[in-house]
Amino acid sequence: MFLTHNPGDSWVEIDTFYDYSNVNDVAASRGDPNRLYLVSDGLWRSDDDGVSWQMVNEISYVEIETGLQPDDVFSGNYRSLDGGVTWDVLDYTNTGIAVGEYGYYVTEVAYDPANTDRVFILASAARFEEPDNPQPYYTTDFGDTWQQPSGMPQYTWEGDYYFDPLRPERVYFRRRDQGGSLYRSDDGGANFALLQDEAYQLEFAPNSDRLIAWSSDGLFSSIDGGETLDLFGELAGEEPLNVEITGAEQVVVLTATSVWFCDPNLDNSLWTRLLLTDLPHEDGFAVSESGTLFLVSEGLRRNAGLLVSAPETDNTRLPDRFELLPVTPNPFNATARVDIALPVPTTVRLEVLNVLGQSMTVLADRRFAAGHHQFVLDGSNWASGAYLLRASVEGYGDQTRRMILLK
């Protein structure tokens, strides 16, 4: 495991509990903000946000997904409901597919993280043999019975399923071959309809209607289930490879050379960039509730490794107290930077008042993860003079800072 104290310029090895020459995947639990999984010559699990690890199974060379329950883990045809200790296997007998010479050929398996009995697949009896190209199937009873959804593209080799965390009945399918397209079902996967003529990848905010869609064309935001997409970030022309959204709705974007961070509530006005060096591709990507980034890549020191960084600050340790830091610069002309430090996840209202106590703007009014958070204050339309910055933090009260605007 490696740790950075200088936003990615250098990395320090802090642990060697795993075989660093063989790291396959890393994933954060959707049901427990402190639980992480790592696949490296065995399945490892951390229940304290990566501080300590234990091997729970000897399986290797797999990729894993997690469910909404802390102990739910999936890998291909296999499902574990006890944190990776034991596994059940899907039964394809009742799909109606004739068994081919080499058995069943399954190109995609997707588990509903909220209901582990509901599974979607692309499957056929033979590989690359017409007319037995893979077709979509789904089960609601973990393989006892199977159905074929309507409205889905037939004979597709490559695709991905996505599940809306706030709407169990809403399922998306991304077709990656034959030009690419995006479909959506609003009835649990029985019927699909074409949504977009682009193979967008999707990531969902855990606590709101926002979803992020991305492709080589850029990064887009939607609040109507993908029906309309608004350009959200161009990222200096870098193509997004992976996207995560934290519980506090901070968007984290991985590109070939950087990790970008943005708060959607800032209307794309502030992106923080973490440069990565010697990382030709990523093999695993996860962001914990505390905002810590976990990244697996074969590029680090010519071996695979687990990289750990805290994006908001050059000190990876969480703050030990709430603090509203001094505004910089002060006095300021037009714009200034505002920083706050939070020791625990909590709700913050950040507001600017004039000398009469009238509100000029609200920079934030929502829940944030523990850590350091940065905001941009725009006073370009205000008159020169003194202003008061007030941070009201649930459980900690108020702190204020005086600032001067000079034009």
Protein backbone atom coordinates (compact mmCIF):
# COMPACT_ATOMS: atom_id res chain seq x y z
CA MET A 1 0.00 0.00 0.00
CA PHE A 2 1.24 3.48 -0.82
CA LEU A 3 0.45 6.87 0.68
CA THR A 4 0.91 10.38 -0.70
CA HIS A 5 1.38 13.56 1.32
CA ASN A 6 1.96 15.84 -1.67
CA PRO A 7 -1.06 15.28 -4.02
CA GLY A 8 0.48 12.48 -6.06
CA ASP A 9 4.01 13.84 -6.65
CA SER A 10 5.53 10.97 -4.68
CA TRP A 11 4.28 7.83 -2.92
CA VAL A 12 5.50 6.06 0.22
CA GLU A 13 4.95 2.37 0.92
CA ILE A 14 3.24 1.94 4.27
CA ASP A 15 2.18 -1.72 4.26
CA THR A 16 2.90 -4.99 2.47
CA PHE A 17 0.08 -7.20 3.73
CA TYR A 18 -0.72 -8.32 0.16
CA ASP A 19 1.22 -9.64 -2.83
CA TYR A 20 1.91 -6.34 -4.61
CA SER A 21 2.84 -8.15 -7.84
CA ASN A 22 -0.71 -9.46 -8.18
CA VAL A 23 -3.43 -6.90 -7.44
CA ASN A 24 -6.64 -7.48 -9.37
CA ASP A 25 -9.25 -5.15 -7.92
CA VAL A 26 -10.25 -2.86 -5.07
CA ALA A 27 -13.83 -1.91 -4.16
CA ALA A 28 -15.61 0.12 -1.48
CA SER A 29 -18.74 -1.30 0.15
CA ARG A 30 -21.94 0.54 -0.73
CA GLY A 31 -23.48 -0.56 2.57
CA ASP A 32 -20.68 0.32 5.00
CA PRO A 33 -18.60 3.50 4.50
CA ASN A 34 -15.68 1.96 6.42
CA ARG A 35 -15.50 -1.35 4.53
CA LEU A 36 -13.13 -1.99 1.62
CA TYR A 37 -12.24 -5.10 -0.38
CA LEU A 38 -8.95 -5.86 -2.13
CA VAL A 39 -8.19 -8.83 -4.40
CA SER A 40 -4.51 -9.81 -4.31
CA ASP A 41 -3.50 -13.46 -3.96
CA GLY A 42 -6.71 -13.79 -1.96
CA LEU A 43 -9.69 -11.62 -1.02
CA TRP A 44 -8.80 -9.09 1.69
CA ARG A 45 -11.24 -6.99 3.68
CA SER A 46 -10.86 -3.86 5.79
CA ASP A 47 -13.58 -2.74 8.22
CA ASP A 48 -11.82 0.47 9.32
CA ASP A 49 -11.39 2.47 6.09
CA GLY A 50 -8.13 0.76 5.09
CA VAL A 51 -6.23 0.97 8.39
CA SER A 52 -6.10 -2.80 8.93
CA TRP A 53 -6.87 -5.79 6.67
CA GLN A 54 -7.68 -9.48 6.98
CA MET A 55 -7.84 -12.24 4.37
CA VAL A 56 -11.37 -13.69 4.17
CA ASN A 57 -10.97 -16.05 1.19
CA GLU A 58 -8.19 -17.46 -0.99
CA ILE A 59 -9.86 -16.56 -4.30
CA SER A 60 -7.67 -14.61 -6.75
CA TYR A 61 -7.76 -13.22 -10.30
CA VAL A 62 -11.33 -11.88 -9.97
CA GLU A 63 -13.09 -8.54 -10.13
CA ILE A 64 -15.67 -7.75 -7.47
CA GLU A 65 -18.77 -5.60 -6.98
CA THR A 66 -20.52 -4.78 -3.71
CA GLY A 67 -24.18 -4.56 -2.71
CA LEU A 68 -26.13 -2.26 -0.44
CA GLN A 69 -25.70 -4.66 2.49
CA PRO A 70 -22.17 -4.58 3.96
CA ASP A 71 -21.65 -8.33 3.51
CA ASP A 72 -22.89 -8.56 -0.10
CA VAL A 73 -20.10 -9.17 -2.64
CA PHE A 74 -20.38 -10.35 -6.26
CA SER A 75 -17.90 -11.75 -8.78
CA GLY A 76 -19.11 -13.05 -12.13
CA ASN A 77 -21.29 -16.13 -11.60
CA TYR A 78 -20.70 -16.08 -7.85
CA ARG A 79 -22.40 -14.31 -4.94
CA SER A 80 -21.35 -13.98 -1.30
CA LEU A 81 -23.69 -12.81 1.46
CA ASP A 82 -21.16 -13.06 4.31
CA GLY A 83 -18.44 -10.62 3.30
CA GLY A 84 -16.63 -12.95 0.90
CA VAL A 85 -16.18 -15.95 3.20
CA THR A 86 -18.51 -18.35 1.33
CA TRP A 87 -20.00 -18.18 -2.18
CA ASP A 88 -23.10 -19.35 -4.11
CA VAL A 89 -23.09 -19.96 -7.88
CA LEU A 90 -25.73 -18.97 -10.45
CA ASP A 91 -27.62 -21.76 -12.24
CA TYR A 92 -28.25 -21.18 -15.97
CA THR A 93 -30.19 -24.40 -16.52
CA ASN A 94 -33.55 -22.66 -16.73
CA THR A 95 -32.53 -19.96 -19.19
CA GLY A 96 -33.73 -22.17 -22.04
CA ILE A 97 -30.36 -21.88 -23.77
CA ALA A 98 -29.11 -25.15 -25.24
CA VAL A 99 -25.81 -26.19 -23.69
CA GLY A 100 -23.03 -25.75 -26.23
CA GLU A 101 -19.91 -27.82 -26.73
CA TYR A 102 -18.14 -25.79 -24.06
CA GLY A 103 -21.18 -25.19 -21.87
CA TYR A 104 -22.78 -21.76 -21.49
CA TYR A 105 -21.00 -18.62 -22.64
CA VAL A 106 -21.83 -15.59 -20.47
CA THR A 107 -20.39 -12.22 -21.44
CA GLU A 108 -21.95 -10.10 -18.69
CA VAL A 109 -23.33 -10.72 -15.19
CA ALA A 110 -24.84 -7.86 -13.18
CA TYR A 111 -26.33 -8.13 -9.68
CA ASP A 112 -28.86 -5.65 -8.36
CA PRO A 113 -27.03 -4.26 -5.31
CA ALA A 114 -30.34 -3.75 -3.48
CA ASN A 115 -31.74 -7.22 -4.26
CA THR A 116 -29.14 -9.95 -4.71
CA ASP A 117 -31.75 -12.37 -6.10
CA ARG A 118 -32.20 -10.15 -9.16
CA VAL A 119 -29.45 -10.76 -11.75
CA PHE A 120 -29.08 -9.68 -15.39
CA ILE A 121 -26.89 -11.53 -17.91
CA LEU A 122 -25.87 -11.70 -21.56
CA ALA A 123 -25.57 -15.40 -22.41
CA SER A 124 -25.45 -17.94 -25.24
CA ALA A 125 -24.58 -21.61 -25.80
CA ALA A 126 -21.51 -21.07 -27.93
CA ARG A 127 -18.90 -18.44 -28.58
CA PHE A 128 -18.87 -16.57 -31.92
CA GLU A 129 -21.34 -18.98 -33.55
CA GLU A 130 -24.47 -17.66 -35.27
CA PRO A 131 -27.32 -17.63 -34.40
CA ASP A 132 -26.28 -18.24 -30.80
CA ASN A 133 -24.84 -14.80 -30.09
CA PRO A 134 -25.47 -13.64 -26.51
CA GLN A 135 -28.94 -12.42 -25.63
CA PRO A 136 -30.21 -10.64 -22.49
CA TYR A 137 -31.85 -12.59 -19.67
CA TYR A 138 -32.78 -11.75 -16.10
CA THR A 139 -33.84 -13.61 -12.97
CA THR A 140 -35.60 -12.42 -9.82
CA ASP A 141 -34.96 -15.60 -7.82
CA PHE A 142 -31.20 -16.13 -8.25
CA GLY A 143 -31.48 -18.44 -11.25
CA ASP A 144 -34.48 -20.62 -10.41
CA THR A 145 -36.34 -19.02 -13.34
CA TRP A 146 -35.18 -16.75 -16.17
CA GLN A 147 -36.95 -14.30 -18.51
CA GLN A 148 -35.97 -12.24 -21.55
CA PRO A 149 -36.72 -8.51 -21.35
CA SER A 150 -38.42 -6.71 -24.23
CA GLY A 151 -37.03 -3.67 -26.02
CA MET A 152 -33.41 -4.75 -25.55
CA PRO A 153 -30.98 -5.08 -28.48
CA GLN A 154 -30.64 -8.73 -29.48
CA TYR A 155 -27.35 -10.46 -30.21
CA THR A 156 -25.06 -8.08 -28.40
CA TRP A 157 -21.68 -9.20 -27.12
CA GLU A 158 -20.70 -6.27 -24.96
CA GLY A 159 -22.88 -4.42 -22.49
CA ASP A 160 -23.19 -3.13 -18.94
CA TYR A 161 -26.16 -2.93 -16.56
CA TYR A 162 -26.69 -0.10 -14.06
CA PHE A 163 -29.15 0.13 -11.15
CA ASP A 164 -30.62 3.36 -9.78
CA PRO A 165 -29.92 3.30 -6.01
CA LEU A 166 -33.05 5.34 -5.18
CA ARG A 167 -35.44 3.66 -7.63
CA PRO A 168 -35.29 -0.15 -7.47
CA GLU A 169 -37.56 -0.42 -10.52
CA ARG A 170 -35.16 1.56 -12.75
CA VAL A 171 -32.46 -0.36 -14.66
CA TYR A 172 -30.13 0.90 -17.39
CA PHE A 173 -28.34 -1.07 -20.11
CA ARG A 174 -25.33 0.29 -21.96
CA ARG A 175 -24.64 -1.42 -25.28
CA ARG A 176 -20.94 -1.17 -26.09
CA ASP A 177 -20.85 -2.86 -29.53
CA GLN A 178 -22.35 -1.90 -32.90
CA GLY A 179 -22.04 1.84 -32.37
CA GLY A 180 -23.20 1.91 -28.77
CA SER A 181 -26.44 3.07 -27.15
CA LEU A 182 -28.12 3.48 -23.76
CA TYR A 183 -31.47 1.91 -22.72
CA ARG A 184 -33.63 2.33 -19.61
CA SER A 185 -36.29 0.22 -17.91
CA ASP A 186 -38.75 1.67 -15.39
CA ASP A 187 -40.42 -1.63 -14.45
CA GLY A 188 -37.60 -3.63 -12.92
CA GLY A 189 -36.04 -4.81 -16.18
CA ALA A 190 -39.02 -6.40 -17.92
CA ASN A 191 -39.25 -3.70 -20.62
CA PHE A 192 -36.54 -1.36 -21.95
CA ALA A 193 -36.63 1.69 -24.23
CA LEU A 194 -33.83 3.49 -26.09
CA LEU A 195 -32.62 6.49 -24.07
CA GLN A 196 -29.50 7.81 -25.85
CA ASP A 197 -27.65 6.93 -29.09
CA GLU A 198 -24.35 6.96 -27.22
CA ALA A 199 -22.78 4.30 -25.00
CA TYR A 200 -22.53 6.50 -21.91
CA GLN A 201 -21.17 5.03 -18.72
CA LEU A 202 -23.15 5.99 -15.61
CA GLU A 203 -22.58 6.79 -11.97
CA PHE A 204 -25.34 7.69 -9.50
CA ALA A 205 -25.38 10.03 -6.53
CA PRO A 206 -26.36 7.91 -3.49
CA ASN A 207 -28.71 10.47 -1.95
CA SER A 208 -30.24 12.46 -4.83
CA ASP A 209 -31.62 12.21 -8.38
CA ARG A 210 -28.32 13.24 -9.94
CA LEU A 211 -26.48 10.89 -12.27
CA ILE A 212 -23.23 11.47 -14.12
CA ALA A 213 -22.86 10.14 -17.67
CA TRP A 214 -19.55 10.09 -19.45
CA SER A 215 -17.90 9.03 -22.69
CA SER A 216 -15.05 10.23 -24.89
CA ASP A 217 -17.23 13.31 -25.59
CA GLY A 218 -16.98 14.50 -21.99
CA LEU A 219 -18.74 14.48 -18.65
CA PHE A 220 -22.48 15.17 -18.35
CA SER A 221 -24.95 15.63 -15.50
CA SER A 222 -28.65 14.67 -15.44
CA ILE A 223 -31.46 14.92 -12.90
CA ASP A 224 -34.19 13.29 -15.05
CA GLY A 225 -32.88 9.76 -15.39
CA GLY A 226 -30.64 10.46 -18.36
CA GLU A 227 -33.32 11.91 -20.65
CA THR A 228 -31.47 15.24 -20.84
CA LEU A 229 -27.72 15.61 -20.33
CA ASP A 230 -25.91 18.86 -19.45
CA LEU A 231 -22.18 19.23 -20.03
CA PHE A 232 -20.60 19.10 -16.60
CA GLY A 233 -16.84 19.07 -17.12
CA GLU A 234 -14.34 19.14 -19.98
CA LEU A 235 -11.33 18.31 -17.75
CA ALA A 236 -8.77 20.06 -19.94
CA GLY A 237 -9.58 17.71 -22.79
CA GLU A 238 -8.78 14.54 -20.81
CA GLU A 239 -11.07 11.55 -21.38
CA PRO A 240 -12.82 10.19 -18.25
CA LEU A 241 -11.94 6.57 -17.48
CA ASN A 242 -13.93 6.15 -14.29
CA VAL A 243 -16.21 8.24 -12.08
CA GLU A 244 -17.33 7.99 -8.45
CA ILE A 245 -19.77 10.16 -6.46
CA THR A 246 -19.39 10.27 -2.69
CA GLY A 247 -22.23 10.49 -0.18
CA ALA A 248 -21.58 14.24 0.01
CA GLU A 249 -22.00 14.36 -3.81
CA GLN A 250 -18.39 15.19 -4.55
CA VAL A 251 -17.63 13.93 -8.06
CA VAL A 252 -14.28 12.14 -8.47
CA VAL A 253 -13.09 11.55 -12.05
CA LEU A 254 -10.15 9.39 -13.10
CA THR A 255 -8.33 10.10 -16.39
CA ALA A 256 -5.13 8.63 -17.81
CA THR A 257 -2.96 11.21 -16.03
CA SER A 258 -5.08 12.83 -13.31
CA VAL A 259 -7.80 12.55 -10.71
CA TRP A 260 -10.27 15.45 -10.74
CA PHE A 261 -12.57 16.48 -7.87
CA CYS A 262 -15.65 18.72 -8.08
CA ASP A 263 -18.70 19.55 -6.00
CA PRO A 264 -21.79 19.49 -8.29
CA ASN A 265 -23.43 22.19 -6.18
CA LEU A 266 -20.72 24.63 -7.28
CA ASP A 267 -22.11 24.49 -10.85
CA ASN A 268 -18.80 23.28 -12.26
CA SER A 269 -17.01 26.42 -11.04
CA LEU A 270 -14.22 24.63 -9.19
CA TRP A 271 -12.29 21.51 -10.12
CA THR A 272 -9.32 20.29 -8.10
CA ARG A 273 -6.75 18.27 -10.03
CA LEU A 274 -4.48 15.57 -8.60
CA LEU A 275 -1.73 14.67 -11.07
CA LEU A 276 -0.71 11.00 -11.29
CA THR A 277 2.66 9.93 -12.64
CA ASP A 278 3.75 6.61 -14.17
CA LEU A 279 0.23 5.16 -14.15
CA PRO A 280 -0.53 3.77 -17.65
CA HIS A 281 -3.89 2.30 -16.65
CA GLU A 282 -6.01 1.66 -13.60
CA ASP A 283 -7.07 -1.80 -12.41
CA GLY A 284 -9.24 -0.70 -9.51
CA PHE A 285 -10.77 2.56 -8.33
CA ALA A 286 -12.75 3.38 -5.20
CA VAL A 287 -13.49 6.39 -3.00
CA SER A 288 -14.37 5.89 0.65
CA GLU A 289 -16.90 7.95 2.62
CA SER A 290 -14.06 9.94 4.18
CA GLY A 291 -12.93 11.08 0.71
CA THR A 292 -9.86 8.83 0.57
CA LEU A 293 -9.02 7.64 -2.94
CA PHE A 294 -7.91 4.04 -3.48
CA LEU A 295 -6.33 3.30 -6.86
CA VAL A 296 -4.73 0.11 -8.18
CA SER A 297 -2.34 0.35 -11.15
CA GLU A 298 0.50 -1.68 -12.61
CA GLY A 299 2.29 1.55 -13.37
CA LEU A 300 3.46 2.30 -9.84
CA ARG A 301 7.13 1.34 -9.41
CA ARG A 302 6.67 -1.12 -12.28
CA ASN A 303 4.51 -3.26 -9.97
CA ALA A 304 0.86 -3.24 -9.02
CA GLY A 305 0.11 -1.36 -5.82
CA LEU A 306 -2.65 0.25 -3.83
CA LEU A 307 -2.42 4.01 -3.82
CA VAL A 308 -4.07 6.01 -1.08
CA SER A 309 -4.54 9.75 -1.19
CA ALA A 310 -6.68 12.34 0.57
CA PRO A 311 -7.59 14.74 -2.23
CA GLU A 312 -8.57 17.82 -0.26
CA THR A 313 -5.26 18.42 1.52
CA ASP A 314 -1.58 17.56 1.62
CA ASN A 315 -2.12 16.02 5.06
CA THR A 316 -3.89 12.67 4.80
CA ARG A 317 -4.90 12.69 8.46
CA LEU A 318 -8.42 13.94 9.15
CA PRO A 319 -8.76 17.24 11.06
CA ASP A 320 -9.07 16.89 14.83
CA ARG A 321 -11.47 19.87 15.13
CA PHE A 322 -13.85 22.06 13.14
CA GLU A 323 -12.20 25.20 11.81
CA LEU A 324 -13.10 27.99 9.40
CA LEU A 325 -9.69 28.96 8.04
CA PRO A 326 -8.73 32.55 7.13
CA VAL A 327 -9.99 33.76 3.76
CA THR A 328 -7.22 34.06 1.16
CA PRO A 329 -6.30 36.59 -0.04
CA ASN A 330 -7.65 39.12 2.42
CA PRO A 331 -8.20 41.88 1.37
CA PHE A 332 -9.37 40.38 -1.93
CA ASN A 333 -10.33 41.71 -5.33
CA ALA A 334 -13.32 39.96 -6.94
CA THR A 335 -12.58 36.37 -5.84
CA ALA A 336 -11.20 34.65 -2.75
CA ARG A 337 -10.70 31.12 -1.45
CA VAL A 338 -12.56 29.74 1.55
CA ASP A 339 -11.45 26.59 3.42
CA ILE A 340 -13.11 24.61 6.19
CA ALA A 341 -11.90 21.58 8.16
CA LEU A 342 -14.37 18.98 9.46
CA PRO A 343 -13.38 16.18 11.87
CA VAL A 344 -16.56 14.15 11.17
CA PRO A 345 -19.28 14.09 8.48
CA THR A 346 -21.77 16.85 9.27
CA THR A 347 -24.05 19.54 7.82
CA VAL A 348 -22.51 22.92 6.96
CA ARG A 349 -24.05 26.26 6.01
CA LEU A 350 -21.50 28.73 4.69
CA GLU A 351 -22.87 32.25 4.20
CA VAL A 352 -21.53 35.76 3.48
CA LEU A 353 -23.21 38.77 5.19
CA ASN A 354 -22.74 42.50 4.71
CA VAL A 355 -22.27 44.95 7.59
CA LEU A 356 -26.07 45.28 7.94
CA GLY A 357 -26.42 41.53 8.47
CA GLN A 358 -27.99 40.97 5.05
CA SER A 359 -27.15 37.76 3.22
CA MET A 360 -25.01 38.27 0.11
CA THR A 361 -24.58 34.63 -0.92
CA VAL A 362 -24.70 31.06 0.43
CA LEU A 363 -21.63 29.06 -0.60
CA ALA A 364 -22.87 25.77 0.86
CA ASP A 365 -25.83 24.39 2.78
CA ARG A 366 -25.67 20.58 2.94
CA ARG A 367 -23.88 17.60 4.46
CA PHE A 368 -20.15 17.12 3.87
CA ALA A 369 -17.75 14.24 4.49
CA ALA A 370 -15.00 14.60 7.09
CA GLY A 371 -11.89 16.33 5.74
CA HIS A 372 -10.83 19.64 4.21
CA HIS A 373 -13.18 21.42 1.79
CA GLN A 374 -12.46 24.39 -0.45
CA PHE A 375 -14.81 26.97 -2.00
CA VAL A 376 -14.48 29.95 -4.32
CA LEU A 377 -16.11 33.21 -3.23
CA ASP A 378 -17.09 35.51 -6.09
CA GLY A 379 -17.63 39.14 -5.02
CA SER A 380 -17.16 40.72 -8.44
CA ASN A 381 -20.66 42.26 -8.33
CA TRP A 382 -20.39 43.58 -4.77
CA ALA A 383 -19.37 47.02 -3.54
CA SER A 384 -16.02 47.49 -1.86
CA GLY A 385 -16.17 47.19 1.91
CA ALA A 386 -16.20 44.81 4.87
CA TYR A 387 -18.05 41.49 4.85
CA LEU A 388 -18.57 38.67 7.33
CA LEU A 389 -18.13 34.99 6.43
CA ARG A 390 -20.11 32.70 8.76
CA ALA A 391 -19.87 28.90 8.95
CA SER A 392 -22.66 27.16 10.86
CA VAL A 393 -21.78 23.52 11.49
CA GLU A 394 -24.14 21.00 13.02
CA GLY A 395 -22.75 19.83 16.36
CA TYR A 396 -20.07 22.54 16.50
CA GLY A 397 -21.90 25.88 16.34
CA ASP A 398 -20.74 28.95 14.37
CA GLN A 399 -17.40 30.44 13.41
CA THR A 400 -16.91 33.74 11.58
CA ARG A 401 -14.19 35.48 9.58
CA ARG A 402 -14.02 39.16 8.64
CA MET A 403 -12.87 40.02 5.13
CA ILE A 404 -12.32 43.14 3.05
CA LEU A 405 -13.22 43.58 -0.62
CA LEU A 406 -11.10 46.19 -2.43
CA LYS A 407 -11.65 47.14 -6.07
